[in-house]
Structures are given as C-alpha cells and as structure tokens.
C-alpha cells in the first residue's frame, strides 16, 4: 500500500484544509461507516477509510458545486493519490458527472448522508447518544420533513438501494459502525 494511504496522512491533509469541528466529525463518521462496510465486504479497510476521511476535505474552503469535490480531486492527484480514491470522492457528488460504479463508490455515497443523518438523530435524543439509537427511530425522523431538512430523504433511500440492502439494514449497519467510534465522534452522550 502506498505511504499516502494511511489514516495518519489522510488526517493531516484533512486537518490542513478543514478546521470546523462539525465537518471533522462528519468526516470521521463517514470514515467509521465506510470502514465498517469494508470489513463486512472483505475490502481494503485502510483504502476505504482514507477515501471516506478525505471525501469532503476541500468543502470548507470551496463549498460551491463548481469547486467541491473538483478542487480536492486536483489536490489529491497532485499529491499522488491513486485514481480509485479520487474517482470515489468525485462520484459521491451527484453533480460531478462521475457515475458510481465500484463497491467503494456506492458505499461512500450511501454512508455520506446517512452518517450525518444518524448523527443528527442521535444528538436530539434525551441521551444524546448513538448507543441507544435504533433504526426505527431513524426511519421515524426521516418522515419528519422539518428534521435535518437539508438532507434529501431520496438520497438516504438511494444509498441503501445502491448497496442492494434494505433501508433498515443499511441504517443498522451505519449505527453499528458509529457505535464503535462513539467516543471519538462525541456520540456517547450520557450513556
């Protein structure tokens, strides 16, 4: 594996470009979910994790669709990251023109919005914890259009479909992965 494809290097790059705590936590949540699927699918966990950690690293500096994730892709190419990482990051944005084809690409897309939505659902619980969050609660929140209103519910459903999983299973898998990293993600709450 390339020396670039380590969590330590990816974290250094992420924190060079991203300072906001919520975006850093989002990157780590998506990483946890994607790593969970890498283990589940028997894939390269480090490659998948690095890709997920870096998927939005350029977003804070260049949030417009004209720039994100294209600026990040240019930076990663310049640093010598493999095309598999760059392509997955480009494909997570529906507007990029890069169709999702590989298991990594589908997984990154499926975990991006879902990890954020599950985080939001955990944080509004009385316990503020992912440890007692169940898929049924997440699905109930999905029906509430006022909750996390910027998250397109169709994207959450499409992510599960791209993984060829029932929505409940996908939600459960992401919750399970976030539970493993609850402390780092600030999702232990009062439990």
N, C-alpha and C. Protein backbone atom coordinates (compact mmCIF):
# COMPACT_ATOMS: atom_id res chain seq x y z
N UNK A 1 0.85 -1.19 0.00
CA UNK A 1 0.00 0.00 0.00
C UNK A 1 0.89 1.25 0.00
N UNK A 2 0.43 2.21 -0.72
CA UNK A 2 1.14 3.49 -0.79
C UNK A 2 1.25 4.13 0.58
N UNK A 3 2.35 4.85 0.80
CA UNK A 3 2.53 5.59 2.06
C UNK A 3 1.46 6.65 2.24
N UNK A 4 0.85 7.07 1.13
CA UNK A 4 -0.22 8.07 1.21
C UNK A 4 -1.47 7.49 1.85
N UNK A 5 -1.67 6.19 1.68
CA UNK A 5 -2.93 5.57 2.10
C UNK A 5 -2.88 5.11 3.55
N UNK A 6 -2.54 6.06 4.42
CA UNK A 6 -2.59 5.78 5.85
C UNK A 6 -3.54 6.78 6.48
N UNK A 7 -4.17 6.37 7.55
CA UNK A 7 -5.09 7.26 8.23
C UNK A 7 -4.36 8.51 8.73
N UNK A 8 -3.15 8.30 9.22
CA UNK A 8 -2.35 9.42 9.74
C UNK A 8 -2.13 10.50 8.67
N UNK A 9 -1.75 10.09 7.47
CA UNK A 9 -1.54 11.06 6.37
C UNK A 9 -2.85 11.71 5.96
N UNK A 10 -3.91 10.91 5.88
CA UNK A 10 -5.21 11.46 5.50
C UNK A 10 -5.70 12.46 6.54
N UNK A 11 -5.52 12.14 7.81
CA UNK A 11 -5.95 13.05 8.88
C UNK A 11 -5.17 14.37 8.80
N UNK A 12 -3.88 14.28 8.53
CA UNK A 12 -3.06 15.51 8.41
C UNK A 12 -3.57 16.37 7.26
N UNK A 13 -3.90 15.75 6.14
CA UNK A 13 -4.41 16.51 4.99
C UNK A 13 -5.79 17.09 5.31
N UNK A 14 -6.65 16.29 5.91
CA UNK A 14 -7.98 16.76 6.27
C UNK A 14 -7.89 17.98 7.19
N UNK A 15 -7.07 17.89 8.21
CA UNK A 15 -6.99 18.98 9.19
C UNK A 15 -6.22 20.19 8.67
N UNK A 16 -5.45 20.01 7.61
CA UNK A 16 -4.81 21.15 6.95
C UNK A 16 -5.86 22.02 6.25
N UNK A 17 -6.87 21.38 5.68
CA UNK A 17 -7.88 22.09 4.90
C UNK A 17 -9.18 22.34 5.66
N UNK A 18 -9.41 21.61 6.73
CA UNK A 18 -10.68 21.68 7.45
C UNK A 18 -10.43 21.99 8.91
N UNK A 19 -11.05 23.06 9.40
CA UNK A 19 -10.88 23.48 10.80
C UNK A 19 -12.15 23.29 11.62
N UNK A 20 -13.30 23.34 10.98
CA UNK A 20 -14.57 23.25 11.70
C UNK A 20 -14.80 21.89 12.32
N UNK A 21 -15.17 21.90 13.60
CA UNK A 21 -15.35 20.64 14.32
C UNK A 21 -16.45 19.77 13.71
N UNK A 22 -17.56 20.39 13.28
CA UNK A 22 -18.66 19.56 12.77
C UNK A 22 -18.26 18.85 11.47
N UNK A 23 -17.51 19.51 10.61
CA UNK A 23 -17.07 18.86 9.37
C UNK A 23 -16.01 17.78 9.66
N UNK A 24 -15.16 18.03 10.63
CA UNK A 24 -14.18 17.00 11.02
C UNK A 24 -14.90 15.77 11.60
N UNK A 25 -15.92 16.01 12.42
CA UNK A 25 -16.69 14.89 12.98
C UNK A 25 -17.45 14.15 11.88
N UNK A 26 -17.98 14.92 10.91
CA UNK A 26 -18.68 14.28 9.78
C UNK A 26 -17.72 13.36 9.02
N UNK A 27 -16.53 13.85 8.73
CA UNK A 27 -15.55 13.03 8.01
C UNK A 27 -15.25 11.75 8.78
N UNK A 28 -15.12 11.86 10.09
CA UNK A 28 -14.83 10.68 10.91
C UNK A 28 -16.02 9.73 10.97
N UNK A 29 -17.23 10.27 10.98
CA UNK A 29 -18.42 9.41 11.00
C UNK A 29 -18.55 8.64 9.69
N UNK A 30 -18.34 9.33 8.57
CA UNK A 30 -18.40 8.66 7.27
C UNK A 30 -17.28 7.62 7.19
N UNK A 31 -16.10 7.97 7.69
CA UNK A 31 -15.00 7.02 7.72
C UNK A 31 -15.38 5.77 8.51
N UNK A 32 -15.97 5.95 9.69
CA UNK A 32 -16.35 4.80 10.52
C UNK A 32 -17.34 3.90 9.78
N UNK A 33 -18.33 4.52 9.14
CA UNK A 33 -19.34 3.74 8.41
C UNK A 33 -18.74 2.99 7.23
N UNK A 34 -17.89 3.68 6.46
CA UNK A 34 -17.28 3.06 5.27
C UNK A 34 -16.30 1.96 5.70
N UNK A 35 -15.54 2.18 6.77
CA UNK A 35 -14.66 1.12 7.27
C UNK A 35 -15.48 -0.10 7.69
N UNK A 36 -16.62 0.15 8.32
CA UNK A 36 -17.48 -0.96 8.72
C UNK A 36 -17.91 -1.80 7.52
N UNK A 37 -18.27 -1.11 6.44
CA UNK A 37 -18.64 -1.84 5.22
C UNK A 37 -17.43 -2.53 4.58
N UNK A 38 -16.26 -1.92 4.65
CA UNK A 38 -15.06 -2.57 4.09
C UNK A 38 -14.84 -3.92 4.80
N UNK A 39 -14.97 -3.93 6.12
CA UNK A 39 -14.84 -5.18 6.87
C UNK A 39 -15.94 -6.17 6.46
N UNK A 40 -17.15 -5.68 6.35
CA UNK A 40 -18.31 -6.51 6.01
C UNK A 40 -18.13 -7.14 4.62
N UNK A 41 -17.58 -6.35 3.68
CA UNK A 41 -17.44 -6.80 2.30
C UNK A 41 -16.08 -7.45 2.01
N UNK A 42 -15.19 -7.51 3.01
CA UNK A 42 -13.87 -8.09 2.81
C UNK A 42 -12.98 -7.24 1.91
N UNK A 43 -13.12 -5.93 2.01
CA UNK A 43 -12.34 -4.99 1.19
C UNK A 43 -11.19 -4.39 1.99
N UNK A 44 -10.38 -3.58 1.34
CA UNK A 44 -9.22 -2.94 1.95
C UNK A 44 -9.69 -1.81 2.87
N UNK A 45 -9.70 -2.08 4.15
CA UNK A 45 -10.26 -1.13 5.12
C UNK A 45 -9.49 0.19 5.14
N UNK A 46 -8.19 0.14 4.99
CA UNK A 46 -7.41 1.38 5.03
C UNK A 46 -7.70 2.25 3.80
N UNK A 47 -7.72 1.64 2.63
CA UNK A 47 -8.04 2.37 1.41
C UNK A 47 -9.43 3.00 1.51
N UNK A 48 -10.40 2.21 1.91
CA UNK A 48 -11.77 2.71 2.02
C UNK A 48 -11.87 3.79 3.08
N UNK A 49 -11.20 3.59 4.21
CA UNK A 49 -11.25 4.56 5.30
C UNK A 49 -10.63 5.89 4.92
N UNK A 50 -9.48 5.83 4.28
CA UNK A 50 -8.80 7.06 3.81
C UNK A 50 -9.70 7.81 2.83
N UNK A 51 -10.30 7.09 1.91
CA UNK A 51 -11.19 7.71 0.93
C UNK A 51 -12.33 8.44 1.64
N UNK A 52 -12.95 7.76 2.59
CA UNK A 52 -14.07 8.36 3.32
C UNK A 52 -13.63 9.56 4.14
N UNK A 53 -12.50 9.45 4.80
CA UNK A 53 -12.00 10.54 5.63
C UNK A 53 -11.76 11.80 4.79
N UNK A 54 -11.33 11.60 3.55
CA UNK A 54 -10.98 12.73 2.69
C UNK A 54 -12.11 13.20 1.77
N UNK A 55 -13.27 12.57 1.81
CA UNK A 55 -14.30 12.85 0.80
C UNK A 55 -14.74 14.31 0.75
N UNK A 56 -14.69 15.01 1.86
CA UNK A 56 -15.11 16.43 1.90
C UNK A 56 -13.97 17.35 2.34
N UNK A 57 -12.71 16.91 2.24
CA UNK A 57 -11.63 17.70 2.82
C UNK A 57 -11.52 19.10 2.21
N UNK A 58 -12.00 19.27 0.98
CA UNK A 58 -11.93 20.58 0.32
C UNK A 58 -13.18 21.44 0.54
N UNK A 59 -14.19 20.88 1.19
CA UNK A 59 -15.51 21.53 1.26
C UNK A 59 -15.49 22.85 2.03
N UNK A 60 -14.74 22.92 3.12
CA UNK A 60 -14.74 24.14 3.92
C UNK A 60 -14.18 25.33 3.13
N UNK A 61 -13.14 25.08 2.35
CA UNK A 61 -12.54 26.16 1.54
C UNK A 61 -13.32 26.44 0.27
N UNK A 62 -13.86 25.39 -0.34
CA UNK A 62 -14.55 25.52 -1.63
C UNK A 62 -15.89 24.80 -1.59
N UNK A 63 -16.90 25.38 -0.92
CA UNK A 63 -18.18 24.69 -0.75
C UNK A 63 -19.09 24.70 -1.98
N UNK A 64 -18.80 25.52 -2.96
CA UNK A 64 -19.69 25.61 -4.13
C UNK A 64 -19.55 24.39 -5.02
N UNK A 65 -20.67 24.02 -5.64
CA UNK A 65 -20.69 22.85 -6.52
C UNK A 65 -19.72 23.00 -7.70
N UNK A 66 -19.38 24.23 -8.04
CA UNK A 66 -18.41 24.44 -9.12
C UNK A 66 -17.01 24.01 -8.70
N UNK A 67 -16.76 23.97 -7.38
CA UNK A 67 -15.42 23.67 -6.87
C UNK A 67 -15.30 22.33 -6.13
N UNK A 68 -16.28 22.01 -5.28
CA UNK A 68 -16.24 20.78 -4.49
C UNK A 68 -16.98 19.67 -5.22
N UNK A 69 -16.40 18.52 -5.40
CA UNK A 69 -15.12 18.00 -4.90
C UNK A 69 -13.97 18.10 -5.91
N UNK A 70 -14.16 18.95 -6.92
CA UNK A 70 -13.17 19.04 -8.00
C UNK A 70 -11.81 19.57 -7.54
N UNK A 71 -11.83 20.59 -6.69
CA UNK A 71 -10.57 21.14 -6.17
C UNK A 71 -9.82 20.07 -5.38
N UNK A 72 -10.57 19.34 -4.56
CA UNK A 72 -9.96 18.27 -3.78
C UNK A 72 -9.34 17.20 -4.67
N UNK A 73 -10.04 16.85 -5.74
CA UNK A 73 -9.51 15.85 -6.67
C UNK A 73 -8.19 16.32 -7.28
N UNK A 74 -8.11 17.60 -7.65
CA UNK A 74 -6.86 18.15 -8.21
C UNK A 74 -5.73 18.06 -7.18
N UNK A 75 -6.03 18.42 -5.94
CA UNK A 75 -5.01 18.38 -4.88
C UNK A 75 -4.54 16.94 -4.67
N UNK A 76 -5.48 16.01 -4.59
CA UNK A 76 -5.13 14.60 -4.38
C UNK A 76 -4.29 14.06 -5.53
N UNK A 77 -4.65 14.42 -6.77
CA UNK A 77 -3.85 13.99 -7.93
C UNK A 77 -2.43 14.54 -7.82
N UNK A 78 -2.32 15.80 -7.45
CA UNK A 78 -1.01 16.43 -7.30
C UNK A 78 -0.15 15.76 -6.23
N UNK A 79 -0.81 15.21 -5.22
CA UNK A 79 -0.09 14.53 -4.14
C UNK A 79 0.21 13.07 -4.48
N UNK A 80 -0.36 12.57 -5.58
CA UNK A 80 -0.10 11.20 -6.00
C UNK A 80 -1.07 10.16 -5.47
N UNK A 81 -2.23 10.59 -4.98
CA UNK A 81 -3.23 9.62 -4.53
C UNK A 81 -3.72 8.79 -5.71
N UNK A 82 -4.05 7.52 -5.47
CA UNK A 82 -4.50 6.66 -6.57
C UNK A 82 -5.86 7.10 -7.11
N UNK A 83 -6.07 6.83 -8.38
CA UNK A 83 -7.29 7.24 -9.06
C UNK A 83 -8.53 6.61 -8.42
N UNK A 84 -8.41 5.44 -7.82
CA UNK A 84 -9.55 4.79 -7.19
C UNK A 84 -10.11 5.67 -6.06
N UNK A 85 -9.24 6.34 -5.33
CA UNK A 85 -9.65 7.25 -4.25
C UNK A 85 -10.31 8.49 -4.85
N UNK A 86 -9.66 9.07 -5.84
CA UNK A 86 -10.13 10.32 -6.45
C UNK A 86 -11.49 10.11 -7.12
N UNK A 87 -11.61 9.01 -7.85
CA UNK A 87 -12.87 8.72 -8.55
C UNK A 87 -14.02 8.53 -7.56
N UNK A 88 -13.76 7.82 -6.46
CA UNK A 88 -14.81 7.62 -5.45
C UNK A 88 -15.25 8.95 -4.86
N UNK A 89 -14.29 9.82 -4.57
CA UNK A 89 -14.61 11.13 -4.00
C UNK A 89 -15.41 11.96 -5.01
N UNK A 90 -15.01 11.93 -6.25
CA UNK A 90 -15.78 12.66 -7.27
C UNK A 90 -17.19 12.10 -7.40
N UNK A 91 -17.31 10.78 -7.36
CA UNK A 91 -18.63 10.15 -7.60
C UNK A 91 -19.61 10.37 -6.46
N UNK A 92 -19.14 10.77 -5.28
CA UNK A 92 -20.08 10.95 -4.16
C UNK A 92 -20.96 12.17 -4.37
N UNK A 93 -20.57 13.06 -5.27
CA UNK A 93 -21.38 14.23 -5.61
C UNK A 93 -22.16 13.92 -6.89
N UNK A 94 -23.48 13.86 -6.79
CA UNK A 94 -24.31 13.52 -7.95
C UNK A 94 -24.04 14.43 -9.15
N UNK A 95 -23.67 15.67 -8.90
CA UNK A 95 -23.49 16.67 -9.96
C UNK A 95 -22.11 16.63 -10.62
N UNK A 96 -21.24 15.72 -10.16
CA UNK A 96 -19.85 15.72 -10.65
C UNK A 96 -19.72 15.17 -12.07
N UNK A 97 -20.71 14.39 -12.52
CA UNK A 97 -20.61 13.75 -13.82
C UNK A 97 -19.86 12.43 -13.78
N UNK A 98 -19.42 12.02 -12.59
CA UNK A 98 -18.71 10.74 -12.43
C UNK A 98 -19.72 9.73 -11.87
N UNK A 99 -20.08 8.76 -12.68
CA UNK A 99 -21.05 7.75 -12.27
C UNK A 99 -20.43 6.80 -11.25
N UNK A 100 -21.22 6.40 -10.27
CA UNK A 100 -20.74 5.44 -9.28
C UNK A 100 -20.79 4.05 -9.88
N UNK A 101 -19.65 3.36 -9.84
CA UNK A 101 -19.55 2.01 -10.41
C UNK A 101 -19.02 0.99 -9.41
N UNK A 102 -17.99 1.31 -8.68
CA UNK A 102 -17.34 0.33 -7.79
C UNK A 102 -18.08 0.23 -6.46
N UNK A 103 -17.79 -0.83 -5.72
CA UNK A 103 -18.37 -1.02 -4.39
C UNK A 103 -17.98 0.15 -3.48
N UNK A 104 -16.73 0.61 -3.56
CA UNK A 104 -16.29 1.75 -2.76
C UNK A 104 -17.11 3.00 -3.09
N UNK A 105 -17.33 3.25 -4.36
CA UNK A 105 -18.08 4.44 -4.78
C UNK A 105 -19.51 4.40 -4.25
N UNK A 106 -20.17 3.26 -4.39
CA UNK A 106 -21.54 3.13 -3.89
C UNK A 106 -21.57 3.26 -2.36
N UNK A 107 -20.60 2.69 -1.70
CA UNK A 107 -20.56 2.72 -0.23
C UNK A 107 -20.32 4.13 0.30
N UNK A 108 -19.38 4.84 -0.31
CA UNK A 108 -19.12 6.22 0.13
C UNK A 108 -20.38 7.06 -0.01
N UNK A 109 -21.05 6.95 -1.15
CA UNK A 109 -22.28 7.70 -1.36
C UNK A 109 -23.34 7.31 -0.32
N UNK A 110 -23.51 6.03 -0.09
CA UNK A 110 -24.54 5.54 0.83
C UNK A 110 -24.28 5.98 2.27
N UNK A 111 -23.02 6.09 2.63
CA UNK A 111 -22.67 6.41 4.02
C UNK A 111 -22.58 7.91 4.29
N UNK A 112 -22.36 8.71 3.27
CA UNK A 112 -22.15 10.14 3.45
C UNK A 112 -23.34 10.80 4.15
N UNK A 113 -24.48 10.82 3.50
CA UNK A 113 -25.65 11.47 4.08
C UNK A 113 -26.20 10.68 5.27
N UNK A 114 -26.14 9.35 5.19
CA UNK A 114 -26.70 8.53 6.26
C UNK A 114 -25.94 8.75 7.57
N UNK A 115 -24.62 8.82 7.52
CA UNK A 115 -23.85 9.04 8.75
C UNK A 115 -24.22 10.39 9.37
N UNK A 116 -24.40 11.40 8.53
CA UNK A 116 -24.79 12.71 9.03
C UNK A 116 -26.18 12.70 9.63
N UNK A 117 -27.10 12.03 8.97
CA UNK A 117 -28.48 11.96 9.44
C UNK A 117 -28.56 11.21 10.77
N UNK A 118 -27.85 10.09 10.85
CA UNK A 118 -27.86 9.30 12.09
C UNK A 118 -27.22 10.09 13.22
N UNK A 119 -26.16 10.82 12.94
CA UNK A 119 -25.54 11.68 13.95
C UNK A 119 -26.56 12.68 14.49
N UNK A 120 -27.27 13.34 13.57
CA UNK A 120 -28.29 14.31 13.98
C UNK A 120 -29.38 13.63 14.82
N UNK A 121 -29.81 12.44 14.40
CA UNK A 121 -30.85 11.72 15.12
C UNK A 121 -30.38 11.33 16.52
N UNK A 122 -29.12 10.98 16.66
CA UNK A 122 -28.57 10.63 17.98
C UNK A 122 -28.51 11.85 18.88
N UNK A 123 -28.11 12.97 18.33
CA UNK A 123 -27.89 14.17 19.14
C UNK A 123 -29.18 14.81 19.66
N UNK A 124 -30.34 14.49 19.06
CA UNK A 124 -31.59 15.03 19.57
C UNK A 124 -32.26 14.09 20.59
N UNK A 125 -31.67 12.93 20.80
CA UNK A 125 -32.23 12.00 21.79
C UNK A 125 -31.98 12.55 23.20
N UNK A 126 -32.81 12.17 24.16
CA UNK A 126 -32.55 12.62 25.54
C UNK A 126 -31.15 12.25 26.03
N UNK A 127 -30.64 11.10 25.57
CA UNK A 127 -29.31 10.64 25.97
C UNK A 127 -28.19 11.26 25.14
N UNK A 128 -28.56 11.89 24.01
CA UNK A 128 -27.60 12.43 23.04
C UNK A 128 -26.57 11.36 22.64
N UNK A 129 -27.06 10.14 22.46
CA UNK A 129 -26.18 9.00 22.22
C UNK A 129 -26.62 8.15 21.04
N UNK A 130 -25.63 7.60 20.34
CA UNK A 130 -25.90 6.63 19.27
C UNK A 130 -26.04 5.22 19.87
N UNK A 131 -25.64 5.06 21.13
CA UNK A 131 -25.61 3.74 21.74
C UNK A 131 -27.00 3.15 21.96
N UNK A 132 -28.01 4.00 22.11
CA UNK A 132 -29.37 3.50 22.30
C UNK A 132 -30.28 3.87 21.12
N UNK A 133 -29.68 4.27 20.01
CA UNK A 133 -30.43 4.62 18.81
C UNK A 133 -30.73 3.36 17.99
N UNK A 134 -31.95 3.23 17.53
CA UNK A 134 -32.36 2.07 16.74
C UNK A 134 -32.82 2.53 15.35
N UNK A 135 -32.75 1.64 14.35
CA UNK A 135 -33.18 2.01 13.00
C UNK A 135 -34.60 2.57 12.94
N UNK A 136 -35.51 2.06 13.74
CA UNK A 136 -36.89 2.55 13.71
C UNK A 136 -36.96 4.04 14.06
N UNK A 137 -36.13 4.48 15.00
CA UNK A 137 -36.09 5.90 15.37
C UNK A 137 -35.58 6.75 14.22
N UNK A 138 -34.59 6.23 13.52
CA UNK A 138 -34.02 6.96 12.38
C UNK A 138 -35.07 7.06 11.28
N UNK A 139 -35.77 5.96 11.00
CA UNK A 139 -36.81 5.98 9.96
C UNK A 139 -37.94 6.94 10.34
N UNK A 140 -38.28 7.01 11.62
CA UNK A 140 -39.31 7.95 12.08
C UNK A 140 -38.84 9.39 11.82
N UNK A 141 -37.58 9.67 12.09
CA UNK A 141 -37.03 11.01 11.85
C UNK A 141 -37.03 11.33 10.35
N UNK A 142 -36.83 10.32 9.52
CA UNK A 142 -36.84 10.54 8.07
C UNK A 142 -38.19 11.04 7.60
N UNK A 143 -39.26 10.65 8.28
CA UNK A 143 -40.61 11.08 7.90
C UNK A 143 -40.90 12.52 8.32
N UNK A 144 -40.11 13.03 9.26
CA UNK A 144 -40.28 14.39 9.76
C UNK A 144 -39.49 15.35 8.86
N UNK A 145 -40.21 16.01 7.97
CA UNK A 145 -39.55 16.87 6.96
C UNK A 145 -38.82 18.06 7.58
N UNK A 146 -39.21 18.46 8.80
CA UNK A 146 -38.56 19.59 9.46
C UNK A 146 -37.22 19.17 10.08
N UNK A 147 -37.06 17.88 10.34
CA UNK A 147 -35.83 17.39 10.97
C UNK A 147 -34.73 17.25 9.91
N UNK A 148 -33.55 17.82 10.19
CA UNK A 148 -32.42 17.76 9.25
C UNK A 148 -32.93 18.01 7.83
N UNK A 149 -33.61 19.13 7.66
CA UNK A 149 -34.36 19.40 6.42
C UNK A 149 -33.48 19.50 5.18
N UNK A 150 -32.19 19.72 5.34
CA UNK A 150 -31.31 19.80 4.17
C UNK A 150 -30.90 18.43 3.64
N UNK A 151 -31.20 17.38 4.38
CA UNK A 151 -30.87 16.02 3.93
C UNK A 151 -32.02 15.50 3.08
N UNK A 152 -31.71 15.18 1.84
CA UNK A 152 -32.72 14.65 0.93
C UNK A 152 -32.98 13.19 1.29
N UNK A 153 -34.21 12.91 1.65
CA UNK A 153 -34.58 11.55 2.04
C UNK A 153 -34.37 10.58 0.89
N UNK A 154 -34.58 11.04 -0.34
CA UNK A 154 -34.36 10.18 -1.51
C UNK A 154 -32.90 9.72 -1.58
N UNK A 155 -31.96 10.57 -1.16
CA UNK A 155 -30.55 10.19 -1.17
C UNK A 155 -30.28 9.08 -0.16
N UNK A 156 -30.93 9.15 1.00
CA UNK A 156 -30.76 8.11 2.02
C UNK A 156 -31.25 6.77 1.49
N UNK A 157 -32.42 6.80 0.86
CA UNK A 157 -33.01 5.58 0.30
C UNK A 157 -32.16 5.06 -0.86
N UNK A 158 -31.74 5.97 -1.75
CA UNK A 158 -30.93 5.57 -2.91
C UNK A 158 -29.62 4.93 -2.46
N UNK A 159 -29.02 5.45 -1.39
CA UNK A 159 -27.78 4.87 -0.88
C UNK A 159 -27.95 3.40 -0.52
N UNK A 160 -29.02 3.09 0.19
CA UNK A 160 -29.29 1.68 0.55
C UNK A 160 -29.52 0.86 -0.71
N UNK A 161 -30.26 1.43 -1.66
CA UNK A 161 -30.52 0.71 -2.91
C UNK A 161 -29.23 0.43 -3.66
N UNK A 162 -28.32 1.41 -3.68
CA UNK A 162 -27.04 1.20 -4.39
C UNK A 162 -26.21 0.10 -3.73
N UNK A 163 -26.39 -0.08 -2.42
CA UNK A 163 -25.71 -1.17 -1.71
C UNK A 163 -26.48 -2.49 -1.81
N UNK A 164 -27.68 -2.42 -2.45
CA UNK A 164 -28.56 -3.58 -2.58
C UNK A 164 -28.94 -4.14 -1.21
N UNK A 165 -29.24 -3.22 -0.29
CA UNK A 165 -29.63 -3.58 1.07
C UNK A 165 -30.98 -2.96 1.39
N UNK A 166 -31.78 -3.64 2.22
CA UNK A 166 -32.97 -2.98 2.74
C UNK A 166 -32.55 -1.76 3.57
N UNK A 167 -33.36 -0.72 3.54
CA UNK A 167 -33.03 0.52 4.25
C UNK A 167 -32.75 0.25 5.73
N UNK A 168 -33.56 -0.58 6.38
CA UNK A 168 -33.35 -0.88 7.80
C UNK A 168 -31.97 -1.48 8.05
N UNK A 169 -31.53 -2.36 7.16
CA UNK A 169 -30.21 -2.99 7.31
C UNK A 169 -29.10 -1.96 7.17
N UNK A 170 -29.23 -1.08 6.18
CA UNK A 170 -28.21 -0.04 5.98
C UNK A 170 -28.14 0.88 7.19
N UNK A 171 -29.29 1.32 7.67
CA UNK A 171 -29.32 2.18 8.85
C UNK A 171 -28.66 1.45 10.03
N UNK A 172 -29.03 0.21 10.23
CA UNK A 172 -28.46 -0.59 11.33
C UNK A 172 -26.96 -0.75 11.21
N UNK A 173 -26.47 -0.99 9.99
CA UNK A 173 -25.02 -1.14 9.77
C UNK A 173 -24.28 0.15 10.11
N UNK A 174 -24.82 1.29 9.68
CA UNK A 174 -24.16 2.57 9.95
C UNK A 174 -24.20 2.87 11.45
N UNK A 175 -25.34 2.63 12.10
CA UNK A 175 -25.41 2.82 13.55
C UNK A 175 -24.35 1.98 14.26
N UNK A 176 -24.25 0.72 13.86
CA UNK A 176 -23.28 -0.18 14.49
C UNK A 176 -21.85 0.36 14.34
N UNK A 177 -21.52 0.85 13.16
CA UNK A 177 -20.18 1.40 12.92
C UNK A 177 -19.95 2.67 13.73
N UNK A 178 -20.96 3.51 13.85
CA UNK A 178 -20.80 4.75 14.63
C UNK A 178 -20.69 4.43 16.13
N UNK A 179 -21.36 3.39 16.57
CA UNK A 179 -21.25 2.99 17.98
C UNK A 179 -19.81 2.63 18.33
N UNK A 180 -19.11 1.98 17.40
CA UNK A 180 -17.72 1.59 17.65
C UNK A 180 -16.82 2.79 17.89
N UNK A 181 -17.21 3.95 17.35
CA UNK A 181 -16.40 5.17 17.46
C UNK A 181 -17.15 6.27 18.22
N UNK A 182 -18.11 5.86 19.06
CA UNK A 182 -18.98 6.82 19.73
C UNK A 182 -18.20 7.90 20.49
N UNK A 183 -17.16 7.51 21.21
CA UNK A 183 -16.41 8.50 21.99
C UNK A 183 -15.74 9.53 21.08
N UNK A 184 -15.05 9.06 20.05
CA UNK A 184 -14.34 9.97 19.14
C UNK A 184 -15.31 10.89 18.41
N UNK A 185 -16.52 10.40 18.16
CA UNK A 185 -17.50 11.17 17.41
C UNK A 185 -18.36 12.06 18.30
N UNK A 186 -18.16 11.97 19.61
CA UNK A 186 -18.98 12.74 20.53
C UNK A 186 -20.41 12.24 20.59
N UNK A 187 -20.58 10.93 20.38
CA UNK A 187 -21.92 10.35 20.32
C UNK A 187 -22.21 9.36 21.45
N UNK A 188 -21.37 9.37 22.50
CA UNK A 188 -21.66 8.53 23.65
C UNK A 188 -22.78 9.15 24.47
N UNK A 189 -22.85 10.47 24.49
CA UNK A 189 -23.88 11.15 25.26
C UNK A 189 -23.77 10.85 26.73
N UNK A 190 -24.91 10.63 27.35
CA UNK A 190 -24.93 10.37 28.79
C UNK A 190 -24.84 8.89 29.13
N UNK A 191 -24.67 8.04 28.12
CA UNK A 191 -24.62 6.58 28.37
C UNK A 191 -23.20 6.10 28.62
